[in-house]
Amino acid sequence: MPVVRAGDRGQWARIVRQSAEWGDARAGGGGRDPEWRGRRPSTLREEVSTRIRRALLTGELRPGQRIKEVHLAEALGVSRPTLRESLQQLIHEGALVQVPYKGIRVAQPTPDELPDVAEVRMPLETMAALRLARDPQGPAMDGVREALRVHLDAIGSGDDLQAHITHIALHRAIWDLADSPTLRKIWPLVGSQIHIALTVDQAVRHDPERDATMHRRLVRVIEEGHEATIAAEVEVHIRHSVDEVLRRLP
């Protein structure tokens, strides 16, 4: 029988308490979801993944921290096989990494990796934005505007997890709706790295108003269609965020 140290138990208890409070708010109150035990495996797995994502965004789980399965499964009240399925999902998303002989840890991009992701991302996202600008009133841009609206609503709700999810969804919409099969194929690889970068960004620099302003401006610049301005705005949007994160990394 594994021994759970008091400090470990306290940390995982905080993770459960904070994520449960978020779940209560979504459900309109009433305590921990009474259907937690009765949910289908796929639903339960996603719920566990969501709670871990929130712990990542709130800093309860820190970059580089080891994930202790026994403690986390106990705190969440789920079996270790269910927890492992959720952890594998988050590894696939890039939020966690599996290190041979060392277990699972929270992804910790290095000061070299973040600029590298930005350098790869900038020309590709610029290409996507320029393609969208060809038809600023077309259905593709309508999809981008809708993704922006959803993101702004999430920011306005004060739900940091939904703001993070819709942030990634907005950038994915720019890639997906640019009518480029190649960009769609590349997104899963680059998107996982973007996910890591945005998670770090959210954790170290929480500024919802700035987030909303930057994304409104990005979409407006694409609508206006000036190629040089679009290229410059995409670069500023990506590079400035990375520079700010780098300044705050230990």
Protein backbone atom coordinates (compact mmCIF):
# COMPACT_ATOMS: atom_id res chain seq x y z
CA MET A 1 0.00 0.00 0.00
CA PRO A 2 1.69 3.27 -1.07
CA VAL A 3 2.21 5.99 1.52
CA VAL A 4 0.86 9.41 0.59
CA ARG A 5 2.79 12.19 2.32
CA ALA A 6 0.78 15.00 3.86
CA GLY A 7 2.27 17.63 1.56
CA ASP A 8 1.48 15.58 -1.55
CA ARG A 9 -2.05 14.91 -0.34
CA GLY A 10 -2.58 18.62 0.28
CA GLN A 11 -1.43 19.63 -3.20
CA TRP A 12 -3.66 17.14 -4.99
CA ALA A 13 -6.57 18.05 -2.70
CA ARG A 14 -6.18 21.69 -3.79
CA ILE A 15 -6.26 20.61 -7.43
CA VAL A 16 -9.49 18.71 -6.88
CA ARG A 17 -11.06 21.52 -4.84
CA GLN A 18 -10.28 24.22 -7.40
CA SER A 19 -11.42 22.15 -10.37
CA ALA A 20 -14.54 21.03 -8.53
CA GLU A 21 -15.43 24.65 -7.79
CA TRP A 22 -15.10 25.40 -11.51
CA GLY A 23 -17.36 22.43 -12.26
CA ASP A 24 -19.90 23.63 -9.71
CA ALA A 25 -19.94 27.08 -11.31
CA ARG A 26 -20.63 25.58 -14.72
CA ALA A 27 -23.43 23.43 -13.32
CA GLY A 28 -24.93 26.28 -11.32
CA GLY A 29 -23.77 25.15 -7.89
CA GLY A 30 -24.81 22.24 -5.76
CA GLY A 31 -21.50 20.63 -4.85
CA ARG A 32 -19.47 18.00 -6.64
CA ASP A 33 -21.21 16.50 -9.64
CA PRO A 34 -23.37 13.59 -8.31
CA GLU A 35 -22.99 11.78 -11.62
CA TRP A 36 -19.18 11.65 -11.28
CA ARG A 37 -19.28 7.97 -10.33
CA GLY A 38 -21.88 7.02 -12.89
CA ARG A 39 -20.44 8.58 -16.02
CA ARG A 40 -19.39 6.59 -19.04
CA PRO A 41 -15.62 5.91 -19.21
CA SER A 42 -15.09 8.34 -22.09
CA THR A 43 -16.96 11.12 -20.26
CA LEU A 44 -15.11 10.46 -17.02
CA ARG A 45 -11.77 10.43 -18.84
CA GLU A 46 -12.51 13.84 -20.38
CA GLU A 47 -13.64 15.24 -17.03
CA VAL A 48 -10.36 14.13 -15.44
CA SER A 49 -8.42 15.64 -18.35
CA THR A 50 -10.30 18.92 -17.91
CA ARG A 51 -9.47 19.06 -14.20
CA ILE A 52 -5.80 18.49 -14.89
CA ARG A 53 -5.82 21.16 -17.60
CA ARG A 54 -7.23 23.62 -15.08
CA ALA A 55 -4.49 22.71 -12.60
CA LEU A 56 -1.92 23.44 -15.32
CA LEU A 57 -3.43 26.84 -16.08
CA THR A 58 -3.75 27.87 -12.43
CA GLY A 59 -0.17 26.84 -11.66
CA GLU A 60 -1.12 24.06 -9.23
CA LEU A 61 0.86 21.83 -11.58
CA ARG A 62 4.07 23.58 -12.55
CA PRO A 63 6.25 23.18 -15.66
CA GLY A 64 8.62 20.28 -15.16
CA GLN A 65 6.71 18.86 -12.19
CA ARG A 66 6.40 15.08 -11.99
CA ILE A 67 2.89 13.64 -12.09
CA LYS A 68 2.44 11.14 -9.25
CA GLU A 69 -0.27 8.77 -10.43
CA VAL A 70 -1.11 7.25 -7.06
CA HIS A 71 -1.62 10.60 -5.37
CA LEU A 72 -3.54 12.17 -8.25
CA ALA A 73 -5.83 9.16 -8.76
CA GLU A 74 -6.63 9.14 -5.05
CA ALA A 75 -7.31 12.88 -4.99
CA LEU A 76 -9.60 12.70 -8.03
CA GLY A 77 -11.35 9.55 -6.81
CA VAL A 78 -10.73 7.60 -10.02
CA SER A 79 -8.93 4.41 -10.89
CA ARG A 80 -5.36 4.52 -12.10
CA PRO A 81 -6.33 3.05 -15.52
CA THR A 82 -8.83 5.91 -16.01
CA LEU A 83 -6.23 8.44 -14.91
CA ARG A 84 -3.66 6.94 -17.30
CA GLU A 85 -6.07 7.35 -20.22
CA SER A 86 -6.46 11.04 -19.35
CA LEU A 87 -2.71 11.47 -18.96
CA GLN A 88 -2.12 9.88 -22.37
CA GLN A 89 -4.62 12.30 -23.90
CA LEU A 90 -2.72 15.23 -22.39
CA ILE A 91 0.60 13.79 -23.57
CA HIS A 92 -0.85 13.65 -27.08
CA GLU A 93 -1.92 17.31 -26.76
CA GLY A 94 1.58 18.27 -25.64
CA ALA A 95 0.62 19.48 -22.16
CA LEU A 96 2.48 16.58 -20.52
CA VAL A 97 5.57 14.65 -21.57
CA GLN A 98 6.59 11.08 -20.83
CA VAL A 99 10.27 10.78 -19.97
CA PRO A 100 11.79 7.28 -20.22
CA TYR A 101 12.55 5.85 -16.75
CA LYS A 102 11.37 9.09 -15.11
CA GLY A 103 7.61 8.97 -15.58
CA ILE A 104 5.26 11.73 -16.70
CA ARG A 105 6.02 15.39 -16.18
CA VAL A 106 4.37 18.70 -17.01
CA ALA A 107 5.79 20.01 -20.29
CA GLN A 108 8.50 22.59 -19.74
CA PRO A 109 9.55 24.38 -22.91
CA THR A 110 13.06 25.76 -22.77
CA PRO A 111 14.06 29.33 -23.63
CA ASP A 112 15.36 27.93 -26.93
CA GLU A 113 12.21 25.99 -27.83
CA LEU A 114 9.68 28.81 -27.50
CA PRO A 115 11.38 31.11 -30.06
CA ASP A 116 11.87 28.11 -32.35
CA VAL A 117 8.13 27.36 -32.30
CA ALA A 118 7.46 31.04 -33.01
CA GLU A 119 9.87 31.07 -35.97
CA VAL A 120 8.14 28.04 -37.51
CA ARG A 121 4.68 29.35 -36.76
CA MET A 122 5.01 32.92 -38.07
CA PRO A 123 5.35 32.24 -41.83
CA LEU A 124 2.69 29.54 -41.74
CA GLU A 125 0.14 31.64 -39.84
CA THR A 126 0.96 34.60 -42.11
CA MET A 127 0.27 32.39 -45.12
CA ALA A 128 -3.08 31.36 -43.61
CA ALA A 129 -4.04 34.96 -42.83
CA LEU A 130 -3.16 36.16 -46.34
CA ARG A 131 -5.28 33.43 -47.90
CA LEU A 132 -8.23 34.41 -45.70
CA ALA A 133 -7.78 38.07 -46.65
CA ARG A 134 -8.55 37.26 -50.29
CA ASP A 135 -12.26 37.08 -49.42
CA PRO A 136 -12.84 39.12 -46.26
CA GLN A 137 -16.63 38.75 -46.43
CA GLY A 138 -16.63 35.08 -47.40
CA PRO A 139 -17.65 32.05 -45.33
CA ALA A 140 -14.09 31.32 -44.22
CA MET A 141 -13.74 34.72 -42.57
CA ASP A 142 -17.23 34.30 -41.13
CA GLY A 143 -15.86 31.20 -39.39
CA VAL A 144 -12.89 33.15 -38.04
CA ARG A 145 -15.18 35.93 -36.80
CA GLU A 146 -17.33 33.34 -35.05
CA ALA A 147 -14.25 31.78 -33.43
CA LEU A 148 -13.26 35.27 -32.24
CA ARG A 149 -16.75 35.88 -30.84
CA VAL A 150 -16.63 32.60 -28.90
CA HIS A 151 -13.18 33.46 -27.57
CA LEU A 152 -14.26 36.94 -26.45
CA ASP A 153 -17.32 35.44 -24.74
CA ALA A 154 -15.05 33.02 -22.88
CA ILE A 155 -12.77 35.86 -21.78
CA GLY A 156 -15.79 37.84 -20.62
CA SER A 157 -17.09 34.90 -18.60
CA GLY A 158 -13.95 34.86 -16.47
CA ASP A 159 -13.44 31.14 -17.14
CA ASP A 160 -9.70 30.88 -17.75
CA LEU A 161 -9.86 27.31 -19.01
CA GLN A 162 -12.50 28.12 -21.64
CA ALA A 163 -10.55 31.23 -22.62
CA HIS A 164 -7.47 29.06 -23.15
CA ILE A 165 -9.38 26.45 -25.17
CA THR A 166 -11.08 29.06 -27.36
CA HIS A 167 -7.76 30.89 -27.81
CA ILE A 168 -6.26 27.78 -29.38
CA ALA A 169 -9.49 27.18 -31.33
CA LEU A 170 -9.31 30.67 -32.84
CA HIS A 171 -5.79 30.15 -34.13
CA ARG A 172 -6.73 26.71 -35.40
CA ALA A 173 -9.67 28.25 -37.24
CA ILE A 174 -7.27 30.62 -39.01
CA TRP A 175 -5.23 27.63 -40.16
CA ASP A 176 -8.18 25.33 -40.97
CA LEU A 177 -10.26 27.89 -42.86
CA ALA A 178 -7.40 29.10 -45.08
CA ASP A 179 -8.31 26.44 -47.65
CA SER A 180 -4.89 24.78 -47.55
CA PRO A 181 -4.73 20.99 -47.14
CA THR A 182 -1.04 21.34 -46.27
CA LEU A 183 -1.73 23.72 -43.39
CA ARG A 184 -4.38 21.34 -42.06
CA LYS A 185 -1.89 18.48 -42.15
CA ILE A 186 0.81 20.52 -40.41
CA TRP A 187 -1.45 21.85 -37.64
CA PRO A 188 -1.36 18.74 -35.36
CA LEU A 189 2.43 18.96 -35.13
CA VAL A 190 2.67 22.73 -34.74
CA GLY A 191 -0.59 22.93 -32.79
CA SER A 192 0.74 20.77 -29.95
CA GLN A 193 3.68 23.14 -29.56
CA ILE A 194 1.38 26.16 -29.74
CA HIS A 195 -0.71 24.56 -26.99
CA ILE A 196 2.36 24.30 -24.74
CA ALA A 197 3.43 27.86 -25.48
CA LEU A 198 -0.05 29.26 -24.80
CA THR A 199 -0.35 27.26 -21.57
CA VAL A 200 2.90 28.81 -20.34
CA ASP A 201 1.73 32.22 -21.55
CA GLN A 202 -1.54 31.90 -19.65
CA ALA A 203 0.20 30.72 -16.49
CA VAL A 204 2.85 33.46 -16.34
CA ARG A 205 0.98 36.43 -17.86
CA HIS A 206 -2.73 36.56 -17.06
CA ASP A 207 -4.10 39.61 -18.91
CA PRO A 208 -7.58 38.96 -20.37
CA GLU A 209 -8.09 42.53 -21.63
CA ARG A 210 -4.82 42.46 -23.56
CA ASP A 211 -5.77 39.05 -24.96
CA ALA A 212 -9.10 40.39 -26.24
CA THR A 213 -7.52 43.54 -27.72
CA MET A 214 -4.80 41.63 -29.56
CA HIS A 215 -7.21 39.14 -31.13
CA ARG A 216 -9.72 41.77 -32.18
CA ARG A 217 -6.89 43.63 -33.89
CA LEU A 218 -5.54 40.49 -35.57
CA VAL A 219 -8.91 39.64 -37.11
CA ARG A 220 -9.53 43.27 -38.12
CA VAL A 221 -6.17 43.47 -39.90
CA ILE A 222 -6.96 40.26 -41.83
CA GLU A 223 -10.33 41.72 -42.84
CA GLU A 224 -8.67 44.91 -44.10
CA GLY A 225 -6.45 42.85 -46.40
CA HIS A 226 -3.18 44.83 -46.57
CA GLU A 227 -0.50 42.18 -47.05
CA ALA A 228 2.40 43.99 -45.36
CA THR A 229 0.21 44.95 -42.40
CA ILE A 230 -1.05 41.38 -42.03
CA ALA A 231 2.49 39.99 -42.03
CA ALA A 232 3.63 42.58 -39.50
CA GLU A 233 0.62 41.99 -37.22
CA VAL A 234 1.04 38.20 -37.20
CA GLU A 235 4.72 38.63 -36.33
CA VAL A 236 3.96 41.07 -33.52
CA HIS A 237 1.14 38.86 -32.24
CA ILE A 238 3.37 35.80 -31.99
CA ARG A 239 6.80 37.25 -31.22
CA HIS A 240 5.64 39.73 -28.57
CA SER A 241 3.85 36.99 -26.62
CA VAL A 242 6.92 34.75 -26.71
CA ASP A 243 9.19 37.60 -25.62
CA GLU A 244 6.96 38.34 -22.63
CA VAL A 245 6.89 34.67 -21.60
CA LEU A 246 10.68 34.42 -21.87
CA ARG A 247 11.09 37.43 -19.58
CA ARG A 248 8.98 35.70 -16.94
CA LEU A 249 10.48 32.23 -17.12
CA PRO A 250 12.79 31.37 -14.21
